[in-house]
């Protein structure tokens, strides 16, 4: 079989393959039901909205909400968005098939209320300036993925610069905020420890106001300013399992994540099933099992799609 799709690696998670179960914390804004992505907008979950082009906060109790749409990277930030269906007094819902999304699930989206009020997804964290449950999420402010922790699993380190007054870490994980992530001066340089969900992130350091990429990190990409952003990949393995086929001599896992290689990823038989752990990217992946030369979709995964050649492939979402 020839390779059908190529996708860029972004995130690694462990994910059972019985359907689209997820081990990550469920985002209340959307969930998976079979091969559908279900978006939910609950008026009660949102305290404030920011009217486009204005600066005052609007209490939702002052709004007669009759129309809700979703606009995001998955629909090219359409100014009309995908319209949601009103389910009851408070809840709007939108169902989209997995095939409506590209290989990389970029869940950055906003709600368009009554065609003019624009807000982002509700946040679960508190702004450090407030002592209550004030929701920080308004148009133009993105969710901060990074969680600062002295024993965090992720370590950002800037070598040298002993004379610097302050060093800021900024990146795609905090919407390139230029103030929040102050690094600590340590022996030999500057450090910040944190926790980040699996993903592919871009970042830079701001040294006394001057931006620079991480010179000790060879993984980088050119940005729109003709400079570089450093790249950080946070990964974790996913285990694929195939039950049955007790008498098979060889089972291979092939998919978009390994260029549909028919020999590379050999599965091992143990406890009545074939299994292998592989590093997968975040987003949408296609795969099949090759059992003694014959190709099979995953019988435990009801989600599948046809490619542009008419071949049926199992689909796995990782986020």
C-alpha atoms as a PDB file:
ATOM      1  CA  UNK A   1       0.000   0.000   0.000  1.00  0.00           C
ATOM      2  CA  UNK A   2       1.266   3.441  -0.801  1.00  0.00           C
ATOM      3  CA  UNK A   3       1.414   6.219   1.717  1.00  0.00           C
ATOM      4  CA  UNK A   4      -1.663   8.430   1.639  1.00  0.00           C
ATOM      5  CA  UNK A   5      -1.017  11.406   3.895  1.00  0.00           C
ATOM      6  CA  UNK A   6       1.856  13.148   5.609  1.00  0.00           C
ATOM      7  CA  UNK A   7       1.420  15.021   8.833  1.00  0.00           C
ATOM      8  CA  UNK A   8       3.600  17.106  11.075  1.00  0.00           C
ATOM      9  CA  UNK A   9       4.362  15.814  14.566  1.00  0.00           C
ATOM     10  CA  UNK A  10       2.966  17.993  17.345  1.00  0.00           C
ATOM     11  CA  UNK A  11       1.873  16.200  20.531  1.00  0.00           C
ATOM     12  CA  UNK A  12       2.262  12.784  22.132  1.00  0.00           C
ATOM     13  CA  UNK A  13      -0.332  11.235  24.478  1.00  0.00           C
ATOM     14  CA  UNK A  14      -1.321   7.760  25.601  1.00  0.00           C
ATOM     15  CA  UNK A  15      -4.737   7.006  24.178  1.00  0.00           C
ATOM     16  CA  UNK A  16      -6.822   3.815  24.332  1.00  0.00           C
ATOM     17  CA  UNK A  17      -8.013   2.832  20.908  1.00  0.00           C
ATOM     18  CA  UNK A  18     -11.571   1.820  21.685  1.00  0.00           C
ATOM     19  CA  UNK A  19     -13.135   4.712  19.829  1.00  0.00           C
ATOM     20  CA  UNK A  20     -12.018   8.231  20.631  1.00  0.00           C
ATOM     21  CA  UNK A  21     -11.504   8.019  24.377  1.00  0.00           C
ATOM     22  CA  UNK A  22      -9.167  10.633  25.805  1.00  0.00           C
ATOM     23  CA  UNK A  23      -7.044  10.646  28.915  1.00  0.00           C
ATOM     24  CA  UNK A  24      -6.528  14.381  28.926  1.00  0.00           C
ATOM     25  CA  UNK A  25      -8.820  16.567  30.966  1.00  0.00           C
ATOM     26  CA  UNK A  26     -12.093  17.039  29.144  1.00  0.00           C
ATOM     27  CA  UNK A  27     -12.564  20.518  27.761  1.00  0.00           C
ATOM     28  CA  UNK A  28     -16.164  21.517  28.568  1.00  0.00           C
ATOM     29  CA  UNK A  29     -16.305  23.481  25.312  1.00  0.00           C
ATOM     30  CA  UNK A  30     -16.205  20.294  23.216  1.00  0.00           C
ATOM     31  CA  UNK A  31     -16.039  16.525  23.435  1.00  0.00           C
ATOM     32  CA  UNK A  32     -16.030  13.477  21.173  1.00  0.00           C
ATOM     33  CA  UNK A  33     -19.036  11.257  20.530  1.00  0.00           C
ATOM     34  CA  UNK A  34     -18.134   8.447  18.169  1.00  0.00           C
ATOM     35  CA  UNK A  35     -16.843  10.092  15.014  1.00  0.00           C
ATOM     36  CA  UNK A  36     -18.367  13.479  15.863  1.00  0.00           C
ATOM     37  CA  UNK A  37     -16.766  16.454  17.567  1.00  0.00           C
ATOM     38  CA  UNK A  38     -19.455  18.112  19.691  1.00  0.00           C
ATOM     39  CA  UNK A  39     -19.046  21.778  20.621  1.00  0.00           C
ATOM     40  CA  UNK A  40     -21.064  23.158  23.523  1.00  0.00           C
ATOM     41  CA  UNK A  41     -21.743  26.784  24.405  1.00  0.00           C
ATOM     42  CA  UNK A  42     -23.452  27.300  27.764  1.00  0.00           C
ATOM     43  CA  UNK A  43     -24.485  30.866  28.509  1.00  0.00           C
ATOM     44  CA  UNK A  44     -24.078  30.243  32.236  1.00  0.00           C
ATOM     45  CA  UNK A  45     -20.384  29.446  31.816  1.00  0.00           C
ATOM     46  CA  UNK A  46     -19.551  32.889  30.532  1.00  0.00           C
ATOM     47  CA  UNK A  47     -19.554  36.015  32.662  1.00  0.00           C
ATOM     48  CA  UNK A  48     -18.330  38.685  30.299  1.00  0.00           C
ATOM     49  CA  UNK A  49     -17.828  39.386  26.624  1.00  0.00           C
ATOM     50  CA  UNK A  50     -15.952  42.097  24.903  1.00  0.00           C
ATOM     51  CA  UNK A  51     -17.808  43.832  22.132  1.00  0.00           C
ATOM     52  CA  UNK A  52     -15.740  44.012  18.992  1.00  0.00           C
ATOM     53  CA  UNK A  53     -14.091  47.416  18.640  1.00  0.00           C
ATOM     54  CA  UNK A  54     -14.992  48.521  22.173  1.00  0.00           C
ATOM     55  CA  UNK A  55     -13.330  48.211  25.545  1.00  0.00           C
ATOM     56  CA  UNK A  56     -16.192  47.908  28.029  1.00  0.00           C
ATOM     57  CA  UNK A  57     -17.249  44.602  29.514  1.00  0.00           C
ATOM     58  CA  UNK A  58     -20.706  43.340  28.716  1.00  0.00           C
ATOM     59  CA  UNK A  59     -22.673  41.281  31.194  1.00  0.00           C
ATOM     60  CA  UNK A  60     -24.376  38.375  29.453  1.00  0.00           C
ATOM     61  CA  UNK A  61     -27.550  39.164  31.367  1.00  0.00           C
ATOM     62  CA  UNK A  62     -27.706  42.319  29.259  1.00  0.00           C
ATOM     63  CA  UNK A  63     -27.563  40.338  26.028  1.00  0.00           C
ATOM     64  CA  UNK A  64     -30.431  38.637  24.282  1.00  0.00           C
ATOM     65  CA  UNK A  65     -28.429  35.723  22.905  1.00  0.00           C
ATOM     66  CA  UNK A  66     -30.228  34.345  19.881  1.00  0.00           C
ATOM     67  CA  UNK A  67     -27.329  33.293  17.650  1.00  0.00           C
ATOM     68  CA  UNK A  68     -23.998  31.597  18.434  1.00  0.00           C
ATOM     69  CA  UNK A  69     -21.377  30.579  15.885  1.00  0.00           C
ATOM     70  CA  UNK A  70     -17.851  29.180  16.099  1.00  0.00           C
ATOM     71  CA  UNK A  71     -14.932  30.662  14.213  1.00  0.00           C
ATOM     72  CA  UNK A  72     -11.484  29.105  14.375  1.00  0.00           C
ATOM     73  CA  UNK A  73      -8.434  27.902  12.544  1.00  0.00           C
ATOM     74  CA  UNK A  74     -10.422  24.885  11.362  1.00  0.00           C
ATOM     75  CA  UNK A  75     -12.752  27.096   9.274  1.00  0.00           C
ATOM     76  CA  UNK A  76     -10.203  29.768   8.336  1.00  0.00           C
ATOM     77  CA  UNK A  77     -11.515  32.164  10.981  1.00  0.00           C
ATOM     78  CA  UNK A  78     -14.710  32.731   9.054  1.00  0.00           C
ATOM     79  CA  UNK A  79     -16.397  35.965  10.072  1.00  0.00           C
ATOM     80  CA  UNK A  80     -19.720  34.131   9.957  1.00  0.00           C
ATOM     81  CA  UNK A  81     -18.466  30.967  11.625  1.00  0.00           C
ATOM     82  CA  UNK A  82     -20.217  27.630  11.989  1.00  0.00           C
ATOM     83  CA  UNK A  83     -23.663  28.271  13.433  1.00  0.00           C
ATOM     84  CA  UNK A  84     -24.652  26.365  16.547  1.00  0.00           C
ATOM     85  CA  UNK A  85     -28.087  24.913  17.229  1.00  0.00           C
ATOM     86  CA  UNK A  86     -29.970  26.081  20.298  1.00  0.00           C
ATOM     87  CA  UNK A  87     -30.788  23.077  22.488  1.00  0.00           C
ATOM     88  CA  UNK A  88     -32.491  24.811  25.411  1.00  0.00           C
ATOM     89  CA  UNK A  89     -32.626  28.140  27.231  1.00  0.00           C
ATOM     90  CA  UNK A  90     -28.908  28.149  27.976  1.00  0.00           C
ATOM     91  CA  UNK A  91     -27.145  25.664  25.713  1.00  0.00           C
ATOM     92  CA  UNK A  92     -26.102  25.837  22.056  1.00  0.00           C
ATOM     93  CA  UNK A  93     -24.579  22.810  20.303  1.00  0.00           C
ATOM     94  CA  UNK A  94     -22.664  22.096  17.106  1.00  0.00           C
ATOM     95  CA  UNK A  95     -21.772  18.654  15.768  1.00  0.00           C
ATOM     96  CA  UNK A  96     -19.087  18.195  13.127  1.00  0.00           C
ATOM     97  CA  UNK A  97     -17.717  14.992  11.658  1.00  0.00           C
ATOM     98  CA  UNK A  98     -14.031  14.308  12.228  1.00  0.00           C
ATOM     99  CA  UNK A  99     -13.462  14.572   8.485  1.00  0.00           C
ATOM    100  CA  UNK A 100     -14.233  18.292   8.724  1.00  0.00           C
ATOM    101  CA  UNK A 101     -10.946  18.811  10.539  1.00  0.00           C
ATOM    102  CA  UNK A 102      -7.429  18.736   9.181  1.00  0.00           C
ATOM    103  CA  UNK A 103      -4.571  16.566  10.372  1.00  0.00           C
ATOM    104  CA  UNK A 104      -3.533  19.013  13.079  1.00  0.00           C
ATOM    105  CA  UNK A 105      -6.257  19.731  15.583  1.00  0.00           C
ATOM    106  CA  UNK A 106      -5.710  23.359  16.433  1.00  0.00           C
ATOM    107  CA  UNK A 107      -8.464  23.978  18.956  1.00  0.00           C
ATOM    108  CA  UNK A 108      -8.003  27.738  18.969  1.00  0.00           C
ATOM    109  CA  UNK A 109     -11.457  29.141  18.322  1.00  0.00           C
ATOM    110  CA  UNK A 110     -13.818  31.902  19.354  1.00  0.00           C
ATOM    111  CA  UNK A 111     -17.556  32.251  19.721  1.00  0.00           C
ATOM    112  CA  UNK A 112     -19.424  34.883  17.731  1.00  0.00           C
ATOM    113  CA  UNK A 113     -22.478  36.008  19.685  1.00  0.00           C
ATOM    114  CA  UNK A 114     -25.352  37.590  17.749  1.00  0.00           C
ATOM    115  CA  UNK A 115     -22.945  38.271  14.919  1.00  0.00           C
ATOM    116  CA  UNK A 116     -20.910  40.904  16.762  1.00  0.00           C
ATOM    117  CA  UNK A 117     -19.800  39.859  20.247  1.00  0.00           C
ATOM    118  CA  UNK A 118     -16.619  37.786  20.141  1.00  0.00           C
ATOM    119  CA  UNK A 119     -15.213  35.763  23.044  1.00  0.00           C
ATOM    120  CA  UNK A 120     -12.831  32.866  23.522  1.00  0.00           C
ATOM    121  CA  UNK A 121     -13.271  29.597  25.383  1.00  0.00           C
ATOM    122  CA  UNK A 122     -13.877  29.814  29.139  1.00  0.00           C
ATOM    123  CA  UNK A 123     -10.800  29.349  31.301  1.00  0.00           C
ATOM    124  CA  UNK A 124     -10.343  27.169  34.352  1.00  0.00           C
ATOM    125  CA  UNK A 125      -7.588  29.240  35.963  1.00  0.00           C
ATOM    126  CA  UNK A 126      -7.779  32.474  37.974  1.00  0.00           C
ATOM    127  CA  UNK A 127      -6.040  35.689  37.105  1.00  0.00           C
ATOM    128  CA  UNK A 128      -3.482  36.387  39.829  1.00  0.00           C
ATOM    129  CA  UNK A 129      -4.838  39.927  40.124  1.00  0.00           C
ATOM    130  CA  UNK A 130      -8.171  38.665  41.392  1.00  0.00           C
ATOM    131  CA  UNK A 131      -9.234  36.678  44.447  1.00  0.00           C
ATOM    132  CA  UNK A 132     -12.540  35.459  43.045  1.00  0.00           C
ATOM    133  CA  UNK A 133     -13.655  33.365  40.095  1.00  0.00           C
ATOM    134  CA  UNK A 134     -13.557  36.277  37.698  1.00  0.00           C
ATOM    135  CA  UNK A 135     -13.145  34.806  34.228  1.00  0.00           C
ATOM    136  CA  UNK A 136     -10.282  36.348  32.371  1.00  0.00           C
ATOM    137  CA  UNK A 137     -11.310  35.107  28.969  1.00  0.00           C
ATOM    138  CA  UNK A 138     -12.242  37.948  26.608  1.00  0.00           C
ATOM    139  CA  UNK A 139     -11.530  38.659  22.999  1.00  0.00           C
ATOM    140  CA  UNK A 140      -7.810  39.010  22.386  1.00  0.00           C
ATOM    141  CA  UNK A 141      -6.695  37.068  25.460  1.00  0.00           C
ATOM    142  CA  UNK A 142      -5.752  33.463  24.867  1.00  0.00           C
ATOM    143  CA  UNK A 143      -5.603  30.572  27.284  1.00  0.00           C
ATOM    144  CA  UNK A 144      -2.258  30.141  29.021  1.00  0.00           C
ATOM    145  CA  UNK A 145      -1.124  26.540  28.701  1.00  0.00           C
ATOM    146  CA  UNK A 146       2.017  26.875  30.789  1.00  0.00           C
ATOM    147  CA  UNK A 147       1.864  26.182  34.530  1.00  0.00           C
ATOM    148  CA  UNK A 148       4.807  27.474  36.550  1.00  0.00           C
ATOM    149  CA  UNK A 149       6.120  24.958  39.073  1.00  0.00           C
ATOM    150  CA  UNK A 150       9.503  24.762  40.777  1.00  0.00           C
ATOM    151  CA  UNK A 151       9.575  21.007  40.207  1.00  0.00           C
ATOM    152  CA  UNK A 152       8.065  21.215  36.732  1.00  0.00           C
ATOM    153  CA  UNK A 153       8.980  18.571  34.188  1.00  0.00           C
ATOM    154  CA  UNK A 154       9.923  21.157  31.558  1.00  0.00           C
ATOM    155  CA  UNK A 155      13.030  23.299  32.021  1.00  0.00           C
ATOM    156  CA  UNK A 156      13.761  26.387  29.969  1.00  0.00           C
ATOM    157  CA  UNK A 157      17.352  27.563  30.360  1.00  0.00           C
ATOM    158  CA  UNK A 158      19.165  30.554  28.917  1.00  0.00           C
ATOM    159  CA  UNK A 159      22.914  30.214  29.112  1.00  0.00           C
ATOM    160  CA  UNK A 160      24.987  33.161  30.360  1.00  0.00           C
ATOM    161  CA  UNK A 161      23.910  36.812  30.428  1.00  0.00           C
ATOM    162  CA  UNK A 162      25.043  37.442  34.032  1.00  0.00           C
ATOM    163  CA  UNK A 163      24.658  41.210  33.628  1.00  0.00           C
ATOM    164  CA  UNK A 164      21.041  41.083  32.484  1.00  0.00           C
ATOM    165  CA  UNK A 165      18.501  42.781  34.714  1.00  0.00           C
ATOM    166  CA  UNK A 166      15.608  40.546  33.737  1.00  0.00           C
ATOM    167  CA  UNK A 167      14.866  37.767  31.289  1.00  0.00           C
ATOM    168  CA  UNK A 168      11.375  36.900  30.094  1.00  0.00           C
ATOM    169  CA  UNK A 169      10.259  33.630  28.508  1.00  0.00           C
ATOM    170  CA  UNK A 170       7.565  34.037  25.895  1.00  0.00           C
ATOM    171  CA  UNK A 171       6.007  31.718  23.354  1.00  0.00           C
ATOM    172  CA  UNK A 172       2.984  30.174  21.757  1.00  0.00           C
ATOM    173  CA  UNK A 173       2.094  28.592  25.118  1.00  0.00           C
ATOM    174  CA  UNK A 174       1.182  32.027  26.586  1.00  0.00           C
ATOM    175  CA  UNK A 175       0.167  33.904  23.450  1.00  0.00           C
ATOM    176  CA  UNK A 176       3.603  35.570  23.312  1.00  0.00           C
ATOM    177  CA  UNK A 177       2.977  37.540  26.477  1.00  0.00           C
ATOM    178  CA  UNK A 178       5.987  39.803  27.089  1.00  0.00           C
ATOM    179  CA  UNK A 179       5.667  40.188  30.866  1.00  0.00           C
ATOM    180  CA  UNK A 180       4.286  37.159  32.689  1.00  0.00           C
ATOM    181  CA  UNK A 181       7.054  34.546  32.591  1.00  0.00           C
ATOM    182  CA  UNK A 182       9.968  36.080  34.455  1.00  0.00           C
ATOM    183  CA  UNK A 183      12.942  33.707  34.524  1.00  0.00           C
ATOM    184  CA  UNK A 184      15.050  33.135  37.632  1.00  0.00           C
ATOM    185  CA  UNK A 185      18.756  33.889  37.695  1.00  0.00           C
ATOM    186  CA  UNK A 186      20.671  30.721  38.579  1.00  0.00           C
ATOM    187  CA  UNK A 187      24.229  29.483  38.346  1.00  0.00           C
ATOM    188  CA  UNK A 188      25.349  29.789  34.745  1.00  0.00           C
ATOM    189  CA  UNK A 189      22.268  31.478  33.373  1.00  0.00           C
ATOM    190  CA  UNK A 190      18.516  31.912  33.711  1.00  0.00           C
ATOM    191  CA  UNK A 191      15.928  29.227  34.373  1.00  0.00           C
ATOM    192  CA  UNK A 192      12.201  28.642  34.418  1.00  0.00           C
ATOM    193  CA  UNK A 193      10.587  25.323  35.331  1.00  0.00           C
ATOM    194  CA  UNK A 194       7.033  24.557  34.381  1.00  0.00           C
ATOM    195  CA  UNK A 195       4.534  21.978  33.253  1.00  0.00           C
ATOM    196  CA  UNK A 196       3.158  21.981  29.728  1.00  0.00           C
ATOM    197  CA  UNK A 197       0.720  19.638  28.035  1.00  0.00           C
ATOM    198  CA  UNK A 198       2.167  17.616  25.168  1.00  0.00           C
ATOM    199  CA  UNK A 199       2.604  19.734  22.106  1.00  0.00           C
ATOM    200  CA  UNK A 200       4.898  21.509  19.716  1.00  0.00           C
ATOM    201  CA  UNK A 201       5.658  25.001  20.934  1.00  0.00           C
ATOM    202  CA  UNK A 202       7.547  28.013  19.649  1.00  0.00           C
ATOM    203  CA  UNK A 203       9.360  30.254  22.104  1.00  0.00           C
ATOM    204  CA  UNK A 204      11.919  33.029  22.567  1.00  0.00           C
ATOM    205  CA  UNK A 205      13.730  34.846  25.349  1.00  0.00           C
ATOM    206  CA  UNK A 206      13.464  38.595  25.991  1.00  0.00           C
ATOM    207  CA  UNK A 207      16.709  39.831  27.557  1.00  0.00           C
ATOM    208  CA  UNK A 208      16.314  43.361  28.900  1.00  0.00           C
ATOM    209  CA  UNK A 209      13.863  44.060  26.113  1.00  0.00           C
ATOM    210  CA  UNK A 210      15.836  42.341  23.355  1.00  0.00           C
ATOM    211  CA  UNK A 211      14.310  39.274  21.722  1.00  0.00           C
ATOM    212  CA  UNK A 212      16.422  36.226  20.917  1.00  0.00           C
ATOM    213  CA  UNK A 213      15.851  32.588  20.108  1.00  0.00           C
ATOM    214  CA  UNK A 214      17.483  29.798  22.121  1.00  0.00           C
ATOM    215  CA  UNK A 215      20.993  29.529  20.701  1.00  0.00           C
ATOM    216  CA  UNK A 216      21.492  26.153  22.398  1.00  0.00           C
ATOM    217  CA  UNK A 217      18.464  24.639  20.696  1.00  0.00           C
ATOM    218  CA  UNK A 218      19.098  23.690  17.039  1.00  0.00           C
ATOM    219  CA  UNK A 219      15.389  23.156  16.374  1.00  0.00           C
ATOM    220  CA  UNK A 220      14.086  26.475  15.107  1.00  0.00           C
ATOM    221  CA  UNK A 221      11.973  28.053  12.385  1.00  0.00           C
ATOM    222  CA  UNK A 222      12.065  31.400  10.647  1.00  0.00           C
ATOM    223  CA  UNK A 223       9.264  33.778  11.599  1.00  0.00           C
ATOM    224  CA  UNK A 224       7.562  36.682   9.871  1.00  0.00           C
ATOM    225  CA  UNK A 225      10.147  39.111  11.255  1.00  0.00           C
ATOM    226  CA  UNK A 226      13.014  37.334   9.468  1.00  0.00           C
ATOM    227  CA  UNK A 227      14.350  36.073  12.797  1.00  0.00           C
ATOM    228  CA  UNK A 228      13.974  32.647  14.396  1.00  0.00           C
ATOM    229  CA  UNK A 229      11.631  31.058  16.908  1.00  0.00           C
ATOM    230  CA  UNK A 230      12.965  28.104  18.868  1.00  0.00           C
ATOM    231  CA  UNK A 231      10.919  24.895  18.824  1.00  0.00           C
ATOM    232  CA  UNK A 232      10.100  22.634  21.765  1.00  0.00           C
ATOM    233  CA  UNK A 233       8.399  19.269  21.279  1.00  0.00           C
ATOM    234  CA  UNK A 234       6.868  17.640  24.341  1.00  0.00           C
ATOM    235  CA  UNK A 235       6.051  14.028  23.632  1.00  0.00           C
ATOM    236  CA  UNK A 236       4.648  10.899  25.218  1.00  0.00           C
ATOM    237  CA  UNK A 237       3.966   7.464  23.707  1.00  0.00           C
ATOM    238  CA  UNK A 238       0.709   5.931  22.568  1.00  0.00           C
ATOM    239  CA  UNK A 239       0.030   2.209  22.718  1.00  0.00           C
ATOM    240  CA  UNK A 240      -1.735   0.534  19.793  1.00  0.00           C
ATOM    241  CA  UNK A 241      -3.397  -2.832  20.362  1.00  0.00           C
ATOM    242  CA  UNK A 242      -4.879  -5.442  18.039  1.00  0.00           C
ATOM    243  CA  UNK A 243      -6.768  -8.375  19.489  1.00  0.00           C
ATOM    244  CA  UNK A 244      -6.969 -11.822  17.931  1.00  0.00           C
ATOM    245  CA  UNK A 245      -4.832 -13.058  15.044  1.00  0.00           C
ATOM    246  CA  UNK A 246      -3.229 -15.599  17.378  1.00  0.00           C
ATOM    247  CA  UNK A 247      -1.650 -17.560  14.536  1.00  0.00           C
ATOM    248  CA  UNK A 248      -0.257 -14.539  12.690  1.00  0.00           C
ATOM    249  CA  UNK A 249       3.468 -14.586  12.065  1.00  0.00           C
ATOM    250  CA  UNK A 250       3.927 -10.826  11.764  1.00  0.00           C
ATOM    251  CA  UNK A 251       1.834  -7.734  12.491  1.00  0.00           C
ATOM    252  CA  UNK A 252       2.962  -4.275  11.399  1.00  0.00           C
ATOM    253  CA  UNK A 253       1.523  -0.888  12.355  1.00  0.00           C
ATOM    254  CA  UNK A 254       1.505   1.587   9.474  1.00  0.00           C
ATOM    255  CA  UNK A 255       0.082   5.071   9.357  1.00  0.00           C
ATOM    256  CA  UNK A 256       0.490   8.727   8.581  1.00  0.00           C
ATOM    257  CA  UNK A 257       2.893   9.034  11.528  1.00  0.00           C
ATOM    258  CA  UNK A 258       5.481   6.689   9.978  1.00  0.00           C
ATOM    259  CA  UNK A 259       4.899   7.471   6.303  1.00  0.00           C
ATOM    260  CA  UNK A 260       2.893   4.260   5.922  1.00  0.00           C
ATOM    261  CA  UNK A 261       6.076   2.246   6.198  1.00  0.00           C
ATOM    262  CA  UNK A 262       5.258  -1.451   5.752  1.00  0.00           C
ATOM    263  CA  UNK A 263       8.223  -2.739   7.753  1.00  0.00           C
ATOM    264  CA  UNK A 264       9.246  -0.140  10.331  1.00  0.00           C
ATOM    265  CA  UNK A 265       6.857  -0.607  13.281  1.00  0.00           C
ATOM    266  CA  UNK A 266       6.593  -4.268  14.249  1.00  0.00           C
ATOM    267  CA  UNK A 267       4.029  -5.225  16.892  1.00  0.00           C
ATOM    268  CA  UNK A 268       4.687  -7.806  19.614  1.00  0.00           C
ATOM    269  CA  UNK A 269       2.269 -10.511  20.714  1.00  0.00           C
ATOM    270  CA  UNK A 270       1.526 -10.678  24.438  1.00  0.00           C
ATOM    271  CA  UNK A 271      -1.481 -11.683  26.563  1.00  0.00           C
ATOM    272  CA  UNK A 272      -3.592 -12.530  23.545  1.00  0.00           C
ATOM    273  CA  UNK A 273      -3.061  -9.304  21.636  1.00  0.00           C
ATOM    274  CA  UNK A 274      -0.591  -7.518  19.442  1.00  0.00           C
ATOM    275  CA  UNK A 275       0.715  -4.225  20.720  1.00  0.00           C
ATOM    276  CA  UNK A 276       3.324  -1.543  20.214  1.00  0.00           C
ATOM    277  CA  UNK A 277       3.980   1.877  21.747  1.00  0.00           C
ATOM    278  CA  UNK A 278       4.954   4.645  19.351  1.00  0.00           C
ATOM    279  CA  UNK A 279       5.488   8.389  19.678  1.00  0.00           C
ATOM    280  CA  UNK A 280       2.493  10.070  18.058  1.00  0.00           C
ATOM    281  CA  UNK A 281       1.888  13.666  17.250  1.00  0.00           C
ATOM    282  CA  UNK A 282      -1.038  15.697  18.442  1.00  0.00           C
ATOM    283  CA  UNK A 283      -3.849  15.986  15.981  1.00  0.00           C
ATOM    284  CA  UNK A 284      -5.470  13.630  13.552  1.00  0.00           C
ATOM    285  CA  UNK A 285      -3.742  10.411  12.512  1.00  0.00           C
ATOM    286  CA  UNK A 286      -4.572   7.655  10.052  1.00  0.00           C
ATOM    287  CA  UNK A 287      -3.419   4.070  10.515  1.00  0.00           C
ATOM    288  CA  UNK A 288      -3.898   0.393   9.694  1.00  0.00           C
ATOM    289  CA  UNK A 289      -2.547  -2.962  10.783  1.00  0.00           C
ATOM    290  CA  UNK A 290      -0.701  -5.251   8.360  1.00  0.00           C
ATOM    291  CA  UNK A 291      -1.237  -8.882   9.356  1.00  0.00           C
ATOM    292  CA  UNK A 292       0.960 -11.262   7.370  1.00  0.00           C
ATOM    293  CA  UNK A 293       0.811  -8.900   4.428  1.00  0.00           C
ATOM    294  CA  UNK A 294      -2.912  -8.121   4.583  1.00  0.00           C
ATOM    295  CA  UNK A 295      -4.141  -4.653   5.593  1.00  0.00           C
ATOM    296  CA  UNK A 296      -6.851  -4.179   8.250  1.00  0.00           C
ATOM    297  CA  UNK A 297      -8.522  -1.206   9.878  1.00  0.00           C
ATOM    298  CA  UNK A 298      -8.642  -1.245  13.673  1.00  0.00           C
ATOM    299  CA  UNK A 299     -11.673  -3.384  14.649  1.00  0.00           C
ATOM    300  CA  UNK A 300     -11.765  -1.719  18.084  1.00  0.00           C
ATOM    301  CA  UNK A 301     -11.963   1.794  16.643  1.00  0.00           C
ATOM    302  CA  UNK A 302     -15.270   2.731  14.978  1.00  0.00           C
ATOM    303  CA  UNK A 303     -13.862   5.942  13.527  1.00  0.00           C
ATOM    304  CA  UNK A 304     -12.538   5.731   9.992  1.00  0.00           C
ATOM    305  CA  UNK A 305     -12.277   7.784   6.818  1.00  0.00           C
ATOM    306  CA  UNK A 306     -11.689   7.204   3.147  1.00  0.00           C
ATOM    307  CA  UNK A 307      -8.669   8.840   1.595  1.00  0.00           C
ATOM    308  CA  UNK A 308      -8.633  10.424  -1.849  1.00  0.00           C
ATOM    309  CA  UNK A 309      -7.941   7.011  -3.378  1.00  0.00           C
ATOM    310  CA  UNK A 310     -10.975   5.422  -1.748  1.00  0.00           C
ATOM    311  CA  UNK A 311      -8.971   3.447   0.830  1.00  0.00           C
ATOM    312  CA  UNK A 312     -10.521   3.176   4.296  1.00  0.00           C
ATOM    313  CA  UNK A 313      -8.216   4.055   7.204  1.00  0.00           C
ATOM    314  CA  UNK A 314      -8.750   4.122  10.945  1.00  0.00           C
ATOM    315  CA  UNK A 315      -8.635   7.589  12.509  1.00  0.00           C
ATOM    316  CA  UNK A 316      -7.094   8.534  15.818  1.00  0.00           C
ATOM    317  CA  UNK A 317      -7.260  11.949  17.473  1.00  0.00           C
ATOM    318  CA  UNK A 318      -4.563  12.860  19.961  1.00  0.00           C
ATOM    319  CA  UNK A 319      -4.583  16.034  22.000  1.00  0.00           C
END
